[in-house]
Amino acid sequence: DVGSALVLLFLTNAAFFGTGNIASVSSFELRSVYRFMTTFEPFLMTALLLFKMALPFVLVSTTFGLVCELNKVPRSAVLCIVLVLADMMSVQFFFAVRSQGSWKEIGN
């Protein structure tokens, strides 16, 4: 169960950071959309960008469901383990935050 939870966390992180900066949709480059369209159509371009961002998450969730079905593992148990692991990761991150120093020291 823990192995499936770790794989789900890893794939979710890869899906989140693999599509680019998902936090600001306006920073996406439209060059990837121009390959599919020859004219400027903002609504269709937005739909393609949202599809590009949602596709990895859909693939991760369907793969997770299939792996749980094949291994006969209850999804609710694995999701509870994922929540515990995610909470541990966030607590570890919050303890690493400092209130002194400069922004220039980030990464050191």
PDB file of N, CA and C in Angstrom:
ATOM      1  N   ASP A   1       0.812  -1.189   0.000  1.00  0.00           N
ATOM      2  CA  ASP A   1       0.000   0.000   0.000  1.00  0.00           C
ATOM      3  C   ASP A   1       0.863   1.263   0.000  1.00  0.00           C
ATOM      4  N   VAL A   2       1.944   1.245   0.780  1.00  0.00           N
ATOM      5  CA  VAL A   2       2.806   2.428   0.862  1.00  0.00           C
ATOM      6  C   VAL A   2       3.514   2.670  -0.471  1.00  0.00           C
ATOM      7  N   GLY A   3       3.897   1.598  -1.140  1.00  0.00           N
ATOM      8  CA  GLY A   3       4.547   1.750  -2.444  1.00  0.00           C
ATOM      9  C   GLY A   3       3.624   2.375  -3.469  1.00  0.00           C
ATOM     10  N   SER A   4       2.368   1.960  -3.473  1.00  0.00           N
ATOM     11  CA  SER A   4       1.394   2.557  -4.394  1.00  0.00           C
ATOM     12  C   SER A   4       1.171   4.026  -4.059  1.00  0.00           C
ATOM     13  N   ALA A   5       1.152   4.356  -2.767  1.00  0.00           N
ATOM     14  CA  ALA A   5       0.966   5.748  -2.363  1.00  0.00           C
ATOM     15  C   ALA A   5       2.157   6.604  -2.789  1.00  0.00           C
ATOM     16  N   LEU A   6       3.363   6.082  -2.645  1.00  0.00           N
ATOM     17  CA  LEU A   6       4.544   6.842  -3.065  1.00  0.00           C
ATOM     18  C   LEU A   6       4.564   7.054  -4.570  1.00  0.00           C
ATOM     19  N   VAL A   7       4.172   6.037  -5.325  1.00  0.00           N
ATOM     20  CA  VAL A   7       4.117   6.180  -6.782  1.00  0.00           C
ATOM     21  C   VAL A   7       3.071   7.218  -7.168  1.00  0.00           C
ATOM     22  N   LEU A   8       1.926   7.216  -6.492  1.00  0.00           N
ATOM     23  CA  LEU A   8       0.899   8.210  -6.778  1.00  0.00           C
ATOM     24  C   LEU A   8       1.384   9.624  -6.469  1.00  0.00           C
ATOM     25  N   LEU A   9       2.076   9.811  -5.348  1.00  0.00           N
ATOM     26  CA  LEU A   9       2.626  11.131  -5.026  1.00  0.00           C
ATOM     27  C   LEU A   9       3.648  11.578  -6.059  1.00  0.00           C
ATOM     28  N   PHE A  10       4.525  10.669  -6.460  1.00  0.00           N
ATOM     29  CA  PHE A  10       5.545  11.008  -7.450  1.00  0.00           C
ATOM     30  C   PHE A  10       4.912  11.393  -8.788  1.00  0.00           C
ATOM     31  N   LEU A  11       3.945  10.601  -9.243  1.00  0.00           N
ATOM     32  CA  LEU A  11       3.322  10.895 -10.533  1.00  0.00           C
ATOM     33  C   LEU A  11       2.493  12.173 -10.492  1.00  0.00           C
ATOM     34  N   THR A  12       1.865  12.456  -9.346  1.00  0.00           N
ATOM     35  CA  THR A  12       1.112  13.702  -9.220  1.00  0.00           C
ATOM     36  C   THR A  12       2.050  14.905  -9.267  1.00  0.00           C
ATOM     37  N   ASN A  13       3.184  14.812  -8.586  1.00  0.00           N
ATOM     38  CA  ASN A  13       4.168  15.901  -8.649  1.00  0.00           C
ATOM     39  C   ASN A  13       4.715  16.061 -10.063  1.00  0.00           C
ATOM     40  N   ALA A  14       4.975  14.943 -10.738  1.00  0.00           N
ATOM     41  CA  ALA A  14       5.470  15.022 -12.114  1.00  0.00           C
ATOM     42  C   ALA A  14       4.425  15.636 -13.035  1.00  0.00           C
ATOM     43  N   ALA A  15       3.154  15.312 -12.820  1.00  0.00           N
ATOM     44  CA  ALA A  15       2.097  15.895 -13.645  1.00  0.00           C
ATOM     45  C   ALA A  15       1.942  17.380 -13.365  1.00  0.00           C
ATOM     46  N   PHE A  16       2.099  17.785 -12.101  1.00  0.00           N
ATOM     47  CA  PHE A  16       1.941  19.192 -11.740  1.00  0.00           C
ATOM     48  C   PHE A  16       3.070  20.038 -12.309  1.00  0.00           C
ATOM     49  N   PHE A  17       4.307  19.595 -12.159  1.00  0.00           N
ATOM     50  CA  PHE A  17       5.437  20.405 -12.594  1.00  0.00           C
ATOM     51  C   PHE A  17       5.867  20.109 -14.021  1.00  0.00           C
ATOM     52  N   GLY A  18       5.383  19.040 -14.613  1.00  0.00           N
ATOM     53  CA  GLY A  18       5.798  18.676 -15.966  1.00  0.00           C
ATOM     54  C   GLY A  18       5.137  19.491 -17.057  1.00  0.00           C
ATOM     55  N   THR A  19       3.999  20.110 -16.765  1.00  0.00           N
ATOM     56  CA  THR A  19       3.291  20.866 -17.798  1.00  0.00           C
ATOM     57  C   THR A  19       3.729  22.313 -17.878  1.00  0.00           C
ATOM     58  N   GLY A  20       4.642  22.738 -17.052  1.00  0.00           N
ATOM     59  CA  GLY A  20       5.070  24.125 -17.031  1.00  0.00           C
ATOM     60  C   GLY A  20       4.595  24.785 -15.760  1.00  0.00           C
ATOM     61  N   ASN A  21       4.507  26.079 -15.781  1.00  0.00           N
ATOM     62  CA  ASN A  21       4.065  26.821 -14.604  1.00  0.00           C
ATOM     63  C   ASN A  21       2.550  26.814 -14.554  1.00  0.00           C
ATOM     64  N   ILE A  22       1.998  25.866 -13.826  1.00  0.00           N
ATOM     65  CA  ILE A  22       0.545  25.703 -13.793  1.00  0.00           C
ATOM     66  C   ILE A  22      -0.117  26.776 -12.943  1.00  0.00           C
ATOM     67  N   ALA A  23       0.651  27.457 -12.105  1.00  0.00           N
ATOM     68  CA  ALA A  23       0.067  28.473 -11.225  1.00  0.00           C
ATOM     69  C   ALA A  23      -0.388  29.708 -12.000  1.00  0.00           C
ATOM     70  N   SER A  24       0.275  30.020 -13.082  1.00  0.00           N
ATOM     71  CA  SER A  24      -0.135  31.180 -13.875  1.00  0.00           C
ATOM     72  C   SER A  24      -0.339  30.743 -15.322  1.00  0.00           C
ATOM     73  N   VAL A  25      -1.586  30.571 -15.688  1.00  0.00           N
ATOM     74  CA  VAL A  25      -1.920  30.102 -17.027  1.00  0.00           C
ATOM     75  C   VAL A  25      -1.511  31.128 -18.076  1.00  0.00           C
ATOM     76  N   SER A  26      -1.488  32.388 -17.710  1.00  0.00           N
ATOM     77  CA  SER A  26      -1.168  33.421 -18.686  1.00  0.00           C
ATOM     78  C   SER A  26       0.292  33.384 -19.131  1.00  0.00           C
ATOM     79  N   SER A  27       1.144  32.680 -18.395  1.00  0.00           N
ATOM     80  CA  SER A  27       2.555  32.631 -18.771  1.00  0.00           C
ATOM     81  C   SER A  27       2.866  31.509 -19.757  1.00  0.00           C
ATOM     82  N   PHE A  28       1.870  30.747 -20.172  1.00  0.00           N
ATOM     83  CA  PHE A  28       2.123  29.677 -21.124  1.00  0.00           C
ATOM     84  C   PHE A  28       2.439  30.253 -22.491  1.00  0.00           C
ATOM     85  N   GLU A  29       3.341  29.584 -23.163  1.00  0.00           N
ATOM     86  CA  GLU A  29       3.696  29.991 -24.518  1.00  0.00           C
ATOM     87  C   GLU A  29       2.635  29.465 -25.478  1.00  0.00           C
ATOM     88  N   LEU A  30       2.221  30.308 -26.392  1.00  0.00           N
ATOM     89  CA  LEU A  30       1.217  29.897 -27.361  1.00  0.00           C
ATOM     90  C   LEU A  30       1.822  29.180 -28.560  1.00  0.00           C
ATOM     91  N   ARG A  31       3.140  29.061 -28.595  1.00  0.00           N
ATOM     92  CA  ARG A  31       3.781  28.383 -29.718  1.00  0.00           C
ATOM     93  C   ARG A  31       3.342  26.931 -29.830  1.00  0.00           C
ATOM     94  N   SER A  32       3.088  26.283 -28.678  1.00  0.00           N
ATOM     95  CA  SER A  32       2.646  24.891 -28.737  1.00  0.00           C
ATOM     96  C   SER A  32       1.245  24.770 -29.316  1.00  0.00           C
ATOM     97  N   VAL A  33       0.434  25.816 -29.194  1.00  0.00           N
ATOM     98  CA  VAL A  33      -0.922  25.800 -29.740  1.00  0.00           C
ATOM     99  C   VAL A  33      -0.909  26.154 -31.223  1.00  0.00           C
ATOM    100  N   TYR A  34       0.027  26.984 -31.646  1.00  0.00           N
ATOM    101  CA  TYR A  34       0.093  27.371 -33.048  1.00  0.00           C
ATOM    102  C   TYR A  34       0.375  26.184 -33.959  1.00  0.00           C
ATOM    103  N   ARG A  35       0.912  25.100 -33.426  1.00  0.00           N
ATOM    104  CA  ARG A  35       1.165  23.910 -34.241  1.00  0.00           C
ATOM    105  C   ARG A  35      -0.147  23.244 -34.673  1.00  0.00           C
ATOM    106  N   PHE A  36      -1.196  23.449 -33.892  1.00  0.00           N
ATOM    107  CA  PHE A  36      -2.482  22.833 -34.203  1.00  0.00           C
ATOM    108  C   PHE A  36      -3.443  23.789 -34.905  1.00  0.00           C
ATOM    109  N   MET A  37      -3.145  25.075 -34.871  1.00  0.00           N
ATOM    110  CA  MET A  37      -4.047  26.067 -35.448  1.00  0.00           C
ATOM    111  C   MET A  37      -3.254  27.039 -36.307  1.00  0.00           C
ATOM    112  N   THR A  38      -3.888  27.507 -37.365  1.00  0.00           N
ATOM    113  CA  THR A  38      -3.206  28.472 -38.239  1.00  0.00           C
ATOM    114  C   THR A  38      -3.709  29.889 -38.015  1.00  0.00           C
ATOM    115  N   THR A  39      -4.899  30.041 -37.440  1.00  0.00           N
ATOM    116  CA  THR A  39      -5.446  31.368 -37.188  1.00  0.00           C
ATOM    117  C   THR A  39      -5.533  31.615 -35.684  1.00  0.00           C
ATOM    118  N   PHE A  40      -5.632  32.876 -35.319  1.00  0.00           N
ATOM    119  CA  PHE A  40      -5.716  33.249 -33.909  1.00  0.00           C
ATOM    120  C   PHE A  40      -7.164  33.140 -33.441  1.00  0.00           C
ATOM    121  N   GLU A  41      -7.441  32.146 -32.603  1.00  0.00           N
ATOM    122  CA  GLU A  41      -8.758  31.962 -31.996  1.00  0.00           C
ATOM    123  C   GLU A  41      -8.554  31.777 -30.493  1.00  0.00           C
ATOM    124  N   PRO A  42      -8.775  32.826 -29.707  1.00  0.00           N
ATOM    125  CA  PRO A  42      -8.404  32.778 -28.287  1.00  0.00           C
ATOM    126  C   PRO A  42      -9.158  31.730 -27.471  1.00  0.00           C
ATOM    127  N   PHE A  43     -10.452  31.510 -27.749  1.00  0.00           N
ATOM    128  CA  PHE A  43     -11.201  30.549 -26.951  1.00  0.00           C
ATOM    129  C   PHE A  43     -10.740  29.121 -27.217  1.00  0.00           C
ATOM    130  N   LEU A  44     -10.488  28.806 -28.461  1.00  0.00           N
ATOM    131  CA  LEU A  44      -9.998  27.469 -28.793  1.00  0.00           C
ATOM    132  C   LEU A  44      -8.575  27.260 -28.271  1.00  0.00           C
ATOM    133  N   MET A  45      -7.762  28.306 -28.331  1.00  0.00           N
ATOM    134  CA  MET A  45      -6.405  28.210 -27.779  1.00  0.00           C
ATOM    135  C   MET A  45      -6.438  27.982 -26.275  1.00  0.00           C
ATOM    136  N   THR A  46      -7.350  28.667 -25.589  1.00  0.00           N
ATOM    137  CA  THR A  46      -7.489  28.471 -24.149  1.00  0.00           C
ATOM    138  C   THR A  46      -7.936  27.057 -23.840  1.00  0.00           C
ATOM    139  N   ALA A  47      -8.861  26.544 -24.621  1.00  0.00           N
ATOM    140  CA  ALA A  47      -9.315  25.166 -24.421  1.00  0.00           C
ATOM    141  C   ALA A  47      -8.176  24.181 -24.626  1.00  0.00           C
ATOM    142  N   LEU A  48      -7.340  24.407 -25.633  1.00  0.00           N
ATOM    143  CA  LEU A  48      -6.194  23.519 -25.860  1.00  0.00           C
ATOM    144  C   LEU A  48      -5.188  23.603 -24.724  1.00  0.00           C
ATOM    145  N   LEU A  49      -4.944  24.809 -24.195  1.00  0.00           N
ATOM    146  CA  LEU A  49      -4.025  24.950 -23.072  1.00  0.00           C
ATOM    147  C   LEU A  49      -4.566  24.260 -21.820  1.00  0.00           C
ATOM    148  N   LEU A  50      -5.857  24.399 -21.558  1.00  0.00           N
ATOM    149  CA  LEU A  50      -6.446  23.719 -20.403  1.00  0.00           C
ATOM    150  C   LEU A  50      -6.426  22.208 -20.576  1.00  0.00           C
ATOM    151  N   PHE A  51      -6.648  21.742 -21.795  1.00  0.00           N
ATOM    152  CA  PHE A  51      -6.539  20.305 -22.069  1.00  0.00           C
ATOM    153  C   PHE A  51      -5.115  19.817 -21.852  1.00  0.00           C
ATOM    154  N   LYS A  52      -4.151  20.638 -22.267  1.00  0.00           N
ATOM    155  CA  LYS A  52      -2.745  20.287 -22.075  1.00  0.00           C
ATOM    156  C   LYS A  52      -2.397  20.175 -20.596  1.00  0.00           C
ATOM    157  N   MET A  53      -3.009  21.029 -19.763  1.00  0.00           N
ATOM    158  CA  MET A  53      -2.729  20.974 -18.329  1.00  0.00           C
ATOM    159  C   MET A  53      -3.487  19.846 -17.637  1.00  0.00           C
ATOM    160  N   ALA A  54      -4.686  19.521 -18.097  1.00  0.00           N
ATOM    161  CA  ALA A  54      -5.506  18.515 -17.427  1.00  0.00           C
ATOM    162  C   ALA A  54      -5.142  17.096 -17.817  1.00  0.00           C
ATOM    163  N   LEU A  55      -4.590  16.896 -18.984  1.00  0.00           N
ATOM    164  CA  LEU A  55      -4.301  15.550 -19.470  1.00  0.00           C
ATOM    165  C   LEU A  55      -3.381  14.746 -18.551  1.00  0.00           C
ATOM    166  N   PRO A  56      -2.276  15.285 -18.039  1.00  0.00           N
ATOM    167  CA  PRO A  56      -1.437  14.480 -17.141  1.00  0.00           C
ATOM    168  C   PRO A  56      -2.166  14.042 -15.870  1.00  0.00           C
ATOM    169  N   PHE A  57      -3.018  14.901 -15.315  1.00  0.00           N
ATOM    170  CA  PHE A  57      -3.746  14.530 -14.106  1.00  0.00           C
ATOM    171  C   PHE A  57      -4.769  13.440 -14.386  1.00  0.00           C
ATOM    172  N   VAL A  58      -5.407  13.493 -15.546  1.00  0.00           N
ATOM    173  CA  VAL A  58      -6.353  12.441 -15.921  1.00  0.00           C
ATOM    174  C   VAL A  58      -5.627  11.118 -16.099  1.00  0.00           C
ATOM    175  N   LEU A  59      -4.483  11.153 -16.741  1.00  0.00           N
ATOM    176  CA  LEU A  59      -3.701   9.930 -16.928  1.00  0.00           C
ATOM    177  C   LEU A  59      -3.226   9.340 -15.602  1.00  0.00           C
ATOM    178  N   VAL A  60      -2.787  10.204 -14.681  1.00  0.00           N
ATOM    179  CA  VAL A  60      -2.332   9.723 -13.379  1.00  0.00           C
ATOM    180  C   VAL A  60      -3.480   9.086 -12.605  1.00  0.00           C
ATOM    181  N   SER A  61      -4.638   9.721 -12.619  1.00  0.00           N
ATOM    182  CA  SER A  61      -5.759   9.178 -11.850  1.00  0.00           C
ATOM    183  C   SER A  61      -6.282   7.873 -12.440  1.00  0.00           C
ATOM    184  N   THR A  62      -6.340   7.767 -13.762  1.00  0.00           N
ATOM    185  CA  THR A  62      -6.785   6.503 -14.355  1.00  0.00           C
ATOM    186  C   THR A  62      -5.763   5.400 -14.143  1.00  0.00           C
ATOM    187  N   THR A  63      -4.486   5.730 -14.227  1.00  0.00           N
ATOM    188  CA  THR A  63      -3.450   4.729 -13.963  1.00  0.00           C
ATOM    189  C   THR A  63      -3.504   4.272 -12.516  1.00  0.00           C
ATOM    190  N   PHE A  64      -3.722   5.203 -11.600  1.00  0.00           N
ATOM    191  CA  PHE A  64      -3.848   4.852 -10.191  1.00  0.00           C
ATOM    192  C   PHE A  64      -5.027   3.914  -9.970  1.00  0.00           C
ATOM    193  N   GLY A  65      -6.156   4.193 -10.594  1.00  0.00           N
ATOM    194  CA  GLY A  65      -7.324   3.323 -10.467  1.00  0.00           C
ATOM    195  C   GLY A  65      -7.064   1.934 -11.016  1.00  0.00           C
ATOM    196  N   LEU A  66      -6.387   1.852 -12.163  1.00  0.00           N
ATOM    197  CA  LEU A  66      -6.073   0.548 -12.745  1.00  0.00           C
ATOM    198  C   LEU A  66      -5.093  -0.245 -11.890  1.00  0.00           C
ATOM    199  N   VAL A  67      -4.085   0.435 -11.349  1.00  0.00           N
ATOM    200  CA  VAL A  67      -3.106  -0.259 -10.498  1.00  0.00           C
ATOM    201  C   VAL A  67      -3.775  -0.788  -9.235  1.00  0.00           C
ATOM    202  N   CYS A  68      -4.676  -0.005  -8.661  1.00  0.00           N
ATOM    203  CA  CYS A  68      -5.401  -0.469  -7.462  1.00  0.00           C
ATOM    204  C   CYS A  68      -6.294  -1.645  -7.792  1.00  0.00           C
ATOM    205  N   GLU A  69      -6.916  -1.643  -8.959  1.00  0.00           N
ATOM    206  CA  GLU A  69      -7.763  -2.765  -9.354  1.00  0.00           C
ATOM    207  C   GLU A  69      -6.935  -4.024  -9.593  1.00  0.00           C
ATOM    208  N   LEU A  70      -5.796  -3.882 -10.263  1.00  0.00           N
ATOM    209  CA  LEU A  70      -4.965  -5.051 -10.554  1.00  0.00           C
ATOM    210  C   LEU A  70      -4.339  -5.648  -9.302  1.00  0.00           C
ATOM    211  N   ASN A  71      -3.950  -4.815  -8.354  1.00  0.00           N
ATOM    212  CA  ASN A  71      -3.319  -5.296  -7.120  1.00  0.00           C
ATOM    213  C   ASN A  71      -4.328  -5.616  -6.025  1.00  0.00           C
ATOM    214  N   LYS A  72      -5.608  -5.422  -6.307  1.00  0.00           N
ATOM    215  CA  LYS A  72      -6.680  -5.677  -5.334  1.00  0.00           C
ATOM    216  C   LYS A  72      -6.463  -4.895  -4.037  1.00  0.00           C
ATOM    217  N   VAL A  73      -6.058  -3.640  -4.200  1.00  0.00           N
ATOM    218  CA  VAL A  73      -5.810  -2.754  -3.061  1.00  0.00           C
ATOM    219  C   VAL A  73      -6.965  -1.766  -2.982  1.00  0.00           C
ATOM    220  N   PRO A  74      -7.546  -1.567  -1.797  1.00  0.00           N
ATOM    221  CA  PRO A  74      -8.631  -0.579  -1.698  1.00  0.00           C
ATOM    222  C   PRO A  74      -8.106   0.845  -1.905  1.00  0.00           C
ATOM    223  N   ARG A  75      -8.782   1.585  -2.775  1.00  0.00           N
ATOM    224  CA  ARG A  75      -8.344   2.947  -3.095  1.00  0.00           C
ATOM    225  C   ARG A  75      -8.385   3.854  -1.878  1.00  0.00           C
ATOM    226  N   SER A  76      -9.365   3.652  -1.024  1.00  0.00           N
ATOM    227  CA  SER A  76      -9.488   4.539   0.137  1.00  0.00           C
ATOM    228  C   SER A  76      -8.295   4.390   1.079  1.00  0.00           C
ATOM    229  N   ALA A  77      -7.773   3.166   1.223  1.00  0.00           N
ATOM    230  CA  ALA A  77      -6.605   2.967   2.086  1.00  0.00           C
ATOM    231  C   ALA A  77      -5.377   3.657   1.505  1.00  0.00           C
ATOM    232  N   VAL A  78      -5.195   3.538   0.199  1.00  0.00           N
ATOM    233  CA  VAL A  78      -4.037   4.171  -0.437  1.00  0.00           C
ATOM    234  C   VAL A  78      -4.168   5.690  -0.377  1.00  0.00           C
ATOM    235  N   LEU A  79      -5.370   6.210  -0.559  1.00  0.00           N
ATOM    236  CA  LEU A  79      -5.556   7.661  -0.489  1.00  0.00           C
ATOM    237  C   LEU A  79      -5.317   8.185   0.927  1.00  0.00           C
ATOM    238  N   CYS A  80      -5.683   7.406   1.940  1.00  0.00           N
ATOM    239  CA  CYS A  80      -5.377   7.813   3.319  1.00  0.00           C
ATOM    240  C   CYS A  80      -3.868   7.851   3.551  1.00  0.00           C
ATOM    241  N   ILE A  81      -3.157   6.875   3.007  1.00  0.00           N
ATOM    242  CA  ILE A  81      -1.690   6.867   3.134  1.00  0.00           C
ATOM    243  C   ILE A  81      -1.098   8.058   2.392  1.00  0.00           C
ATOM    244  N   VAL A  82      -1.653   8.385   1.217  1.00  0.00           N
ATOM    245  CA  VAL A  82      -1.190   9.553   0.459  1.00  0.00           C
ATOM    246  C   VAL A  82      -1.402  10.825   1.268  1.00  0.00           C
ATOM    247  N   LEU A  83      -2.547  10.946   1.926  1.00  0.00           N
ATOM    248  CA  LEU A  83      -2.797  12.129   2.748  1.00  0.00           C
ATOM    249  C   LEU A  83      -1.814  12.239   3.901  1.00  0.00           C
ATOM    250  N   VAL A  84      -1.508  11.125   4.541  1.00  0.00           N
ATOM    251  CA  VAL A  84      -0.541  11.144   5.647  1.00  0.00           C
ATOM    252  C   VAL A  84       0.843  11.530   5.133  1.00  0.00           C
ATOM    253  N   LEU A  85       1.266  10.946   4.013  1.00  0.00           N
ATOM    254  CA  LEU A  85       2.580  11.282   3.450  1.00  0.00           C
ATOM    255  C   LEU A  85       2.640  12.743   3.007  1.00  0.00           C
ATOM    256  N   ALA A  86       1.571  13.247   2.402  1.00  0.00           N
ATOM    257  CA  ALA A  86       1.552  14.644   1.971  1.00  0.00           C
ATOM    258  C   ALA A  86       1.592  15.586   3.173  1.00  0.00           C
ATOM    259  N   ASP A  87       0.898  15.220   4.257  1.00  0.00           N
ATOM    260  CA  ASP A  87       0.961  16.030   5.472  1.00  0.00           C
ATOM    261  C   ASP A  87       2.366  16.041   6.056  1.00  0.00           C
ATOM    262  N   MET A  88       3.025  14.889   6.056  1.00  0.00           N
ATOM    263  CA  MET A  88       4.403  14.837   6.558  1.00  0.00           C
ATOM    264  C   MET A  88       5.334  15.685   5.702  1.00  0.00           C
ATOM    265  N   MET A  89       5.151  15.662   4.383  1.00  0.00           N
ATOM    266  CA  MET A  89       5.979  16.476   3.500  1.00  0.00           C
ATOM    267  C   MET A  89       5.745  17.961   3.733  1.00  0.00           C
ATOM    268  N   SER A  90       4.489  18.362   3.927  1.00  0.00           N
ATOM    269  CA  SER A  90       4.212  19.779   4.136  1.00  0.00           C
ATOM    270  C   SER A  90       4.708  20.266   5.486  1.00  0.00           C
ATOM    271  N   VAL A  91       4.614  19.437   6.528  1.00  0.00           N
ATOM    272  CA  VAL A  91       5.137  19.831   7.844  1.00  0.00           C
ATOM    273  C   VAL A  91       6.648  19.989   7.775  1.00  0.00           C
ATOM    274  N   GLN A  92       7.321  19.076   7.073  1.00  0.00           N
ATOM    275  CA  GLN A  92       8.773  19.174   6.914  1.00  0.00           C
ATOM    276  C   GLN A  92       9.131  20.452   6.158  1.00  0.00           C
ATOM    277  N   PHE A  93       8.341  20.813   5.148  1.00  0.00           N
ATOM    278  CA  PHE A  93       8.598  22.044   4.408  1.00  0.00           C
ATOM    279  C   PHE A  93       8.398  23.267   5.293  1.00  0.00           C
ATOM    280  N   PHE A  94       7.326  23.295   6.080  1.00  0.00           N
ATOM    281  CA  PHE A  94       7.048  24.462   6.910  1.00  0.00           C
ATOM    282  C   PHE A  94       8.082  24.641   8.010  1.00  0.00           C
ATOM    283  N   PHE A  95       8.675  23.553   8.492  1.00  0.00           N
ATOM    284  CA  PHE A  95       9.745  23.695   9.473  1.00  0.00           C
ATOM    285  C   PHE A  95      11.036  24.217   8.841  1.00  0.00           C
ATOM    286  N   ALA A  96      11.166  24.090   7.522  1.00  0.00           N
ATOM    287  CA  ALA A  96      12.353  24.587   6.826  1.00  0.00           C
ATOM    288  C   ALA A  96      12.249  26.071   6.491  1.00  0.00           C
ATOM    289  N   VAL A  97      11.070  26.660   6.630  1.00  0.00           N
ATOM    290  CA  VAL A  97      10.876  28.080   6.329  1.00  0.00           C
ATOM    291  C   VAL A  97      11.502  28.919   7.435  1.00  0.00           C
ATOM    292  N   ARG A  98      12.274  29.937   7.011  1.00  0.00           N
ATOM    293  CA  ARG A  98      12.917  30.826   7.971  1.00  0.00           C
ATOM    294  C   ARG A  98      12.317  32.209   7.856  1.00  0.00           C
ATOM    295  N   SER A  99      12.310  32.925   8.957  1.00  0.00           N
ATOM    296  CA  SER A  99      11.764  34.282   8.944  1.00  0.00           C
ATOM    297  C   SER A  99      12.862  35.343   8.886  1.00  0.00           C
ATOM    298  N   GLN A 100      14.108  34.952   8.818  1.00  0.00           N
ATOM    299  CA  GLN A 100      15.191  35.918   8.701  1.00  0.00           C
ATOM    300  C   GLN A 100      16.013  35.582   7.457  1.00  0.00           C
ATOM    301  N   GLY A 101      16.809  36.524   7.039  1.00  0.00           N
ATOM    302  CA  GLY A 101      17.634  36.310   5.852  1.00  0.00           C
ATOM    303  C   GLY A 101      17.154  37.132   4.680  1.00  0.00           C
ATOM    304  N   SER A 102      17.757  36.889   3.539  1.00  0.00           N
ATOM    305  CA  SER A 102      17.456  37.645   2.337  1.00  0.00           C
ATOM    306  C   SER A 102      16.923  36.705   1.261  1.00  0.00           C
ATOM    307  N   TRP A 103      16.192  37.273   0.306  1.00  0.00           N
ATOM    308  CA  TRP A 103      15.709  36.462  -0.818  1.00  0.00           C
ATOM    309  C   TRP A 103      16.854  35.980  -1.687  1.00  0.00           C
ATOM    310  N   LYS A 104      18.007  36.652  -1.575  1.00  0.00           N
ATOM    311  CA  LYS A 104      19.161  36.248  -2.373  1.00  0.00           C
ATOM    312  C   LYS A 104      19.764  34.930  -1.883  1.00  0.00           C
ATOM    313  N   GLU A 105      19.427  34.525  -0.669  1.00  0.00           N
ATOM    314  CA  GLU A 105      19.976  33.308  -0.091  1.00  0.00           C
ATOM    315  C   GLU A 105      19.135  32.067  -0.385  1.00  0.00           C
ATOM    316  N   ILE A 106      18.104  32.205  -1.214  1.00  0.00           N
ATOM    317  CA  ILE A 106      17.245  31.068  -1.514  1.00  0.00           C
ATOM    318  C   ILE A 106      18.057  30.015  -2.266  1.00  0.00           C
ATOM    319  N   GLY A 107      17.946  28.794  -1.816  1.00  0.00           N
ATOM    320  CA  GLY A 107      18.664  27.689  -2.433  1.00  0.00           C
ATOM    321  C   GLY A 107      19.977  27.363  -1.788  1.00  0.00           C
ATOM    322  N   ASN A 108      20.406  28.149  -0.844  1.00  0.00           N
ATOM    323  CA  ASN A 108      21.678  27.869  -0.161  1.00  0.00           C
ATOM    324  C   ASN A 108      21.444  27.051   1.092  1.00  0.00           C
TER     325      ASN A 108
END
